[in-house]
Amino acid sequence: MKIKKRFTSAIAAVFLVSLGSVSINAISAFSPLPQTAQAQTTYCKNRSFTAKALFKVNVRADRSTSSPIVAVLNPGTYQFSTWEEGQSIPDSWTGQPDNKWYKLADGRGWVASAVIAGYPPQGCPINVSVYQDPLKGKGTITQRPGGATSHTGRAQYAIDFGTPIGTPVYAMRAGTVVKLEDRFADTGGGEANKDKANFIAIEHVESNGSRVRSGYVHLQRGFISKTGIKIGQQVQAGQLIGYSGNSGWSTNPHLHVEVHIPNANGTFGQTIPFSIQGRY
């Protein structure tokens, strides 16, 4: 049953006094997690609706609390043109996770649904971005989005493929290589190795001008010399970019893939829903 957002509880009243225009804390920087990503993100487009700000609310440049604040809304009713999924934030009234973000009709930016009262129109279609298969049919999905082993919080919408070390990995979509790590051995291991995963991040520009990144994690050491990949390089969908490995916090050889909104400092940010053609 849907719980309507109403500013009536004592908890909400306290929230009004304490929040003001202070931003919600940004999520932490990326740390690789153990095993157990374009046309557009999930959205409802061109379906105008209104929602109420019951207290001062931050407007962000993108769908994440790490994205810059571009304006602050005073209490009042505002017009929105689009909603998309982004960073999940606890709803101010229900306490439940809410990953919807509303785009102001005047184009100024995005407001988290979790801090504003109102819903998009009923029956709004949901379209998930479809990416190419990073393994071209090889490997087996071992952990899906929301998997209890490690796909929660920041990594909520990630997908893991169990596959032998050395399996070729391909770009899921055309874009620009923005981050590379290739120093660590393929020994796997526990939490002590959480910052020792080899990876590549590729940035993509959405149809609405926003930017997202696909991430490929636990790659085999030496993939840079084998592929010649480098930061700033333009890659095409289906282009060889690396090889799967077992680096970092990993219980078995596998490839972790995701699509995320980068944090302001460029680290891996909140994952968003995506689909892999023919696989998931």
Protein backbone atom coordinates (compact mmCIF):
# COMPACT_ATOMS: atom_id res chain seq x y z
CA MET A 1 0.00 0.00 0.00
CA LYS A 2 1.38 3.42 -0.93
CA ILE A 3 1.89 5.72 2.05
CA LYS A 4 1.09 9.29 1.09
CA LYS A 5 3.57 11.96 2.06
CA ARG A 6 1.93 14.20 4.64
CA PHE A 7 3.69 16.65 6.88
CA THR A 8 1.73 15.78 10.01
CA SER A 9 3.92 13.71 12.29
CA ALA A 10 6.08 14.95 15.12
CA ILE A 11 9.06 13.34 13.42
CA ALA A 12 8.44 15.37 10.29
CA ALA A 13 8.11 18.54 12.34
CA VAL A 14 11.49 17.93 13.93
CA PHE A 15 12.89 17.25 10.46
CA LEU A 16 11.60 20.64 9.27
CA VAL A 17 13.35 22.49 12.07
CA SER A 18 16.62 20.59 11.85
CA LEU A 19 17.01 20.31 8.07
CA GLY A 20 16.47 23.86 6.85
CA SER A 21 18.60 24.22 3.73
CA VAL A 22 21.31 21.85 4.96
CA SER A 23 22.11 19.19 2.39
CA ILE A 24 21.78 15.47 3.02
CA ASN A 25 25.17 13.86 3.62
CA ALA A 26 26.86 12.58 0.47
CA ILE A 27 27.45 8.88 0.11
CA SER A 28 30.92 7.55 0.77
CA ALA A 29 33.57 7.03 -1.87
CA PHE A 30 33.75 3.82 -3.85
CA SER A 31 35.20 0.70 -2.27
CA PRO A 32 35.08 -2.54 -4.28
CA LEU A 33 32.79 -5.14 -2.74
CA PRO A 34 33.00 -8.95 -2.65
CA GLN A 35 31.20 -11.24 -5.05
CA THR A 36 28.64 -13.61 -3.90
CA ALA A 37 24.86 0.14 -16.69
CA GLN A 38 22.59 4.26 -23.34
CA ALA A 39 19.79 5.61 -24.30
CA GLN A 40 18.38 6.90 -21.04
CA THR A 41 18.02 6.07 -17.37
CA THR A 42 14.76 4.91 -15.85
CA TYR A 43 12.42 7.84 -16.23
CA CYS A 44 8.99 9.25 -16.81
CA LYS A 45 9.43 12.00 -19.39
CA ASN A 46 7.22 14.88 -20.51
CA ARG A 47 4.49 14.15 -17.97
CA SER A 48 4.12 17.45 -16.11
CA PHE A 49 3.14 17.29 -12.44
CA THR A 50 3.29 19.40 -9.29
CA ALA A 51 4.73 18.67 -5.86
CA LYS A 52 5.08 20.70 -2.66
CA ALA A 53 8.20 21.74 -0.80
CA LEU A 54 7.17 21.90 2.85
CA PHE A 55 10.53 23.24 3.97
CA LYS A 56 13.64 24.53 2.23
CA VAL A 57 14.88 21.94 -0.24
CA ASN A 58 18.13 21.74 -2.19
CA VAL A 59 18.09 21.62 -5.99
CA ARG A 60 20.96 19.52 -7.38
CA ALA A 61 22.68 19.57 -10.76
CA ASP A 62 22.13 15.80 -11.00
CA ARG A 63 20.42 12.91 -9.17
CA SER A 64 22.80 12.54 -6.25
CA THR A 65 23.53 14.33 -2.98
CA SER A 66 27.17 14.59 -4.06
CA SER A 67 26.10 16.67 -7.07
CA PRO A 68 26.48 20.47 -6.67
CA ILE A 69 23.61 22.51 -5.19
CA VAL A 70 22.38 24.90 -7.88
CA ALA A 71 19.41 26.44 -6.05
CA VAL A 72 17.29 26.18 -2.90
CA LEU A 73 13.49 25.98 -3.04
CA ASN A 74 11.48 27.85 -0.44
CA PRO A 75 8.25 26.24 0.81
CA GLY A 76 5.66 26.22 -1.96
CA THR A 77 4.24 24.30 -4.92
CA TYR A 78 6.50 23.66 -7.90
CA GLN A 79 6.09 22.30 -11.42
CA PHE A 80 8.16 19.29 -12.53
CA SER A 81 8.60 17.86 -16.01
CA THR A 82 10.39 14.55 -15.50
CA TRP A 83 11.37 12.00 -12.91
CA GLU A 84 14.32 9.63 -13.03
CA GLU A 85 15.91 7.11 -10.69
CA GLY A 86 19.11 8.09 -8.93
CA GLN A 87 20.63 7.92 -5.45
CA SER A 88 18.32 6.30 -2.93
CA ILE A 89 17.54 8.47 0.12
CA PRO A 90 15.35 7.67 3.17
CA ASP A 91 11.94 9.28 2.73
CA SER A 92 11.46 12.15 5.19
CA TRP A 93 8.02 10.88 6.22
CA THR A 94 8.01 7.10 5.83
CA GLY A 95 11.71 6.40 6.38
CA GLN A 96 11.65 4.01 3.41
CA PRO A 97 14.33 4.21 0.66
CA ASP A 98 13.26 6.45 -2.23
CA ASN A 99 15.39 6.67 -5.39
CA LYS A 100 13.14 8.98 -7.43
CA TRP A 101 14.37 12.44 -8.39
CA TYR A 102 12.16 15.15 -9.92
CA LYS A 103 13.40 17.63 -12.54
CA LEU A 104 12.10 21.18 -12.25
CA ALA A 105 10.09 22.29 -15.27
CA ASP A 106 12.22 25.45 -15.53
CA GLY A 107 15.30 23.27 -16.02
CA ARG A 108 17.21 24.44 -12.94
CA GLY A 109 17.97 20.97 -11.68
CA TRP A 110 16.81 17.96 -9.66
CA VAL A 111 15.00 17.55 -6.33
CA ALA A 112 14.93 14.29 -4.37
CA SER A 113 11.43 12.84 -4.09
CA ALA A 114 12.36 11.86 -0.54
CA VAL A 115 12.22 15.49 0.63
CA ILE A 116 9.22 16.78 -1.32
CA ALA A 117 5.49 15.98 -1.08
CA GLY A 118 3.88 14.67 -4.25
CA TYR A 119 4.01 11.90 -6.82
CA PRO A 120 4.36 11.65 -10.62
CA PRO A 121 1.20 10.77 -12.60
CA GLN A 122 -0.12 7.23 -12.23
CA GLY A 123 0.77 4.92 -15.10
CA CYS A 124 3.99 6.73 -15.95
CA PRO A 125 6.04 4.32 -18.09
CA ILE A 126 9.38 3.07 -16.81
CA ASN A 127 12.15 2.60 -19.38
CA VAL A 128 15.48 1.11 -18.35
CA SER A 129 18.65 1.79 -20.32
CA VAL A 130 19.83 -1.23 -22.31
CA TYR A 131 23.58 -1.86 -22.48
CA GLN A 132 25.55 -4.42 -24.47
CA ASP A 133 26.75 -7.64 -22.86
CA PRO A 134 30.23 -6.99 -21.36
CA LEU A 135 31.14 -10.69 -21.72
CA LYS A 136 29.40 -11.44 -25.05
CA GLY A 137 27.52 -14.42 -23.69
CA LYS A 138 30.19 -15.85 -21.40
CA GLY A 139 29.93 -16.21 -17.63
CA THR A 140 26.92 -16.70 -15.37
CA ILE A 141 25.10 -14.09 -13.31
CA THR A 142 25.95 -14.84 -9.68
CA GLN A 143 24.50 -11.74 -8.02
CA ARG A 144 21.73 -9.48 -9.28
CA PRO A 145 20.69 -5.96 -8.22
CA GLY A 146 19.68 -5.97 -4.57
CA GLY A 147 21.69 -9.13 -3.85
CA ALA A 148 22.12 -9.64 -0.12
CA THR A 149 25.83 -10.47 -0.38
CA SER A 150 26.99 -7.01 -1.40
CA HIS A 151 24.55 -5.29 -3.78
CA THR A 152 22.99 -2.86 -1.33
CA GLY A 153 23.44 0.85 -0.71
CA ARG A 154 25.77 2.39 -3.27
CA ALA A 155 26.02 -0.87 -5.24
CA GLN A 156 22.28 -1.63 -5.16
CA TYR A 157 21.90 -1.96 -8.95
CA ALA A 158 25.19 -3.74 -9.77
CA ILE A 159 25.43 -7.13 -11.50
CA ASP A 160 28.08 -9.83 -10.93
CA PHE A 161 29.13 -12.46 -13.48
CA GLY A 162 31.07 -15.52 -12.37
CA THR A 163 33.71 -16.11 -15.06
CA PRO A 164 37.29 -17.45 -15.23
CA ILE A 165 40.27 -15.14 -14.88
CA GLY A 166 41.29 -13.85 -18.30
CA THR A 167 37.82 -13.72 -19.87
CA PRO A 168 37.67 -10.76 -22.33
CA VAL A 169 35.61 -7.78 -21.12
CA TYR A 170 33.97 -5.38 -23.59
CA ALA A 171 32.59 -1.85 -23.28
CA MET A 172 28.84 -1.92 -22.70
CA ARG A 173 28.38 1.41 -24.45
CA ALA A 174 30.42 4.00 -26.34
CA GLY A 175 32.08 6.62 -24.16
CA THR A 176 35.26 8.10 -22.72
CA VAL A 177 37.62 6.27 -20.37
CA VAL A 178 37.87 8.39 -17.22
CA LYS A 179 39.41 6.12 -14.54
CA LEU A 180 41.78 3.14 -14.57
CA GLU A 181 43.37 0.96 -11.87
CA ASP A 182 45.70 -1.93 -12.74
CA ARG A 183 48.14 -2.43 -9.84
CA PHE A 184 46.73 -5.30 -7.84
CA ALA A 185 47.20 -9.08 -7.92
CA ASP A 186 44.34 -11.47 -8.65
CA THR A 187 44.45 -13.10 -5.24
CA GLY A 188 40.93 -12.26 -4.10
CA GLY A 189 40.48 -11.95 -0.38
CA GLY A 190 38.40 -10.34 2.31
CA GLU A 191 37.64 -6.83 3.48
CA ALA A 192 41.33 -6.00 3.88
CA ASN A 193 41.49 -5.93 0.07
CA LYS A 194 38.47 -3.67 -0.44
CA ASP A 195 40.62 -0.89 -1.94
CA LYS A 196 42.71 -3.24 -4.07
CA ALA A 197 40.49 -3.96 -7.06
CA ASN A 198 41.54 -3.25 -10.64
CA PHE A 199 38.84 -1.44 -12.60
CA ILE A 200 37.89 0.80 -15.50
CA ALA A 201 35.23 3.53 -15.58
CA ILE A 202 33.75 4.84 -18.84
CA GLU A 203 31.67 8.02 -18.98
CA HIS A 204 28.56 8.30 -21.17
CA VAL A 205 26.39 11.31 -22.00
CA GLU A 206 22.64 10.76 -21.65
CA SER A 207 20.08 12.04 -24.14
CA ASN A 208 19.13 14.74 -21.60
CA GLY A 209 22.75 15.92 -21.26
CA SER A 210 23.47 14.34 -17.87
CA ARG A 211 26.48 12.09 -17.42
CA VAL A 212 26.68 8.55 -16.08
CA ARG A 213 29.51 6.03 -15.92
CA SER A 214 29.75 2.30 -16.43
CA GLY A 215 32.17 0.51 -14.11
CA TYR A 216 33.97 -2.82 -14.62
CA VAL A 217 35.57 -4.10 -11.42
CA HIS A 218 37.89 -6.96 -10.26
CA LEU A 219 39.77 -6.92 -13.58
CA GLN A 220 42.91 -8.99 -14.18
CA ARG A 221 46.19 -7.25 -13.43
CA GLY A 222 47.99 -6.24 -16.61
CA PHE A 223 44.87 -5.47 -18.64
CA ILE A 224 46.16 -1.99 -19.56
CA SER A 225 49.30 -3.30 -21.28
CA LYS A 226 47.32 -6.04 -23.03
CA THR A 227 44.63 -3.72 -24.41
CA GLY A 228 46.49 -0.40 -24.70
CA ILE A 229 43.54 1.31 -23.00
CA LYS A 230 44.22 4.76 -21.53
CA ILE A 231 42.43 7.62 -19.78
CA GLY A 232 40.81 10.02 -22.22
CA GLN A 233 40.42 7.36 -24.89
CA GLN A 234 37.15 7.17 -26.80
CA VAL A 235 35.85 3.60 -26.92
CA GLN A 236 33.03 2.04 -28.90
CA ALA A 237 30.33 -0.31 -27.63
CA GLY A 238 31.66 -3.86 -27.88
CA GLN A 239 35.33 -2.80 -27.89
CA LEU A 240 37.77 -4.92 -25.86
CA ILE A 241 38.73 -2.97 -22.72
CA GLY A 242 40.14 -5.58 -20.32
CA TYR A 243 40.02 -9.08 -18.86
CA SER A 244 38.10 -10.40 -15.87
CA GLY A 245 40.11 -11.25 -12.80
CA ASN A 246 39.94 -11.75 -9.06
CA SER A 247 41.46 -8.57 -7.66
CA GLY A 248 40.21 -6.79 -4.55
CA TRP A 249 37.56 -7.90 -2.07
CA SER A 250 36.38 -10.98 -3.95
CA THR A 251 35.49 -14.53 -2.95
CA ASN A 252 35.78 -16.01 -6.46
CA PRO A 253 36.88 -14.85 -9.93
CA HIS A 254 34.11 -12.66 -11.34
CA LEU A 255 33.26 -9.43 -13.12
CA HIS A 256 31.28 -6.74 -11.31
CA VAL A 257 29.54 -4.29 -13.67
CA GLU A 258 27.41 -1.26 -12.83
CA VAL A 259 26.15 2.10 -14.06
CA HIS A 260 26.48 4.95 -11.58
CA ILE A 261 26.27 8.69 -11.13
CA PRO A 262 29.83 9.80 -10.27
CA ASN A 263 30.48 11.60 -7.02
CA ALA A 264 31.64 15.22 -7.18
CA ASN A 265 35.25 14.08 -6.64
CA GLY A 266 34.99 11.54 -9.47
CA THR A 267 34.74 8.41 -7.34
CA PHE A 268 32.15 5.71 -7.97
CA GLY A 269 28.75 7.10 -6.93
CA GLN A 270 25.24 5.76 -6.53
CA THR A 271 24.33 3.00 -8.98
CA ILE A 272 21.19 3.31 -11.11
CA PRO A 273 19.04 0.63 -12.80
CA PHE A 274 20.10 -0.68 -16.21
CA SER A 275 19.58 -3.72 -18.41
CA ILE A 276 22.06 -5.93 -20.29
CA GLN A 277 20.83 -6.98 -23.70
CA GLY A 278 19.98 -10.67 -23.78
CA ARG A 279 21.26 -11.28 -20.22
CA TYR A 280 19.38 -9.17 -17.68
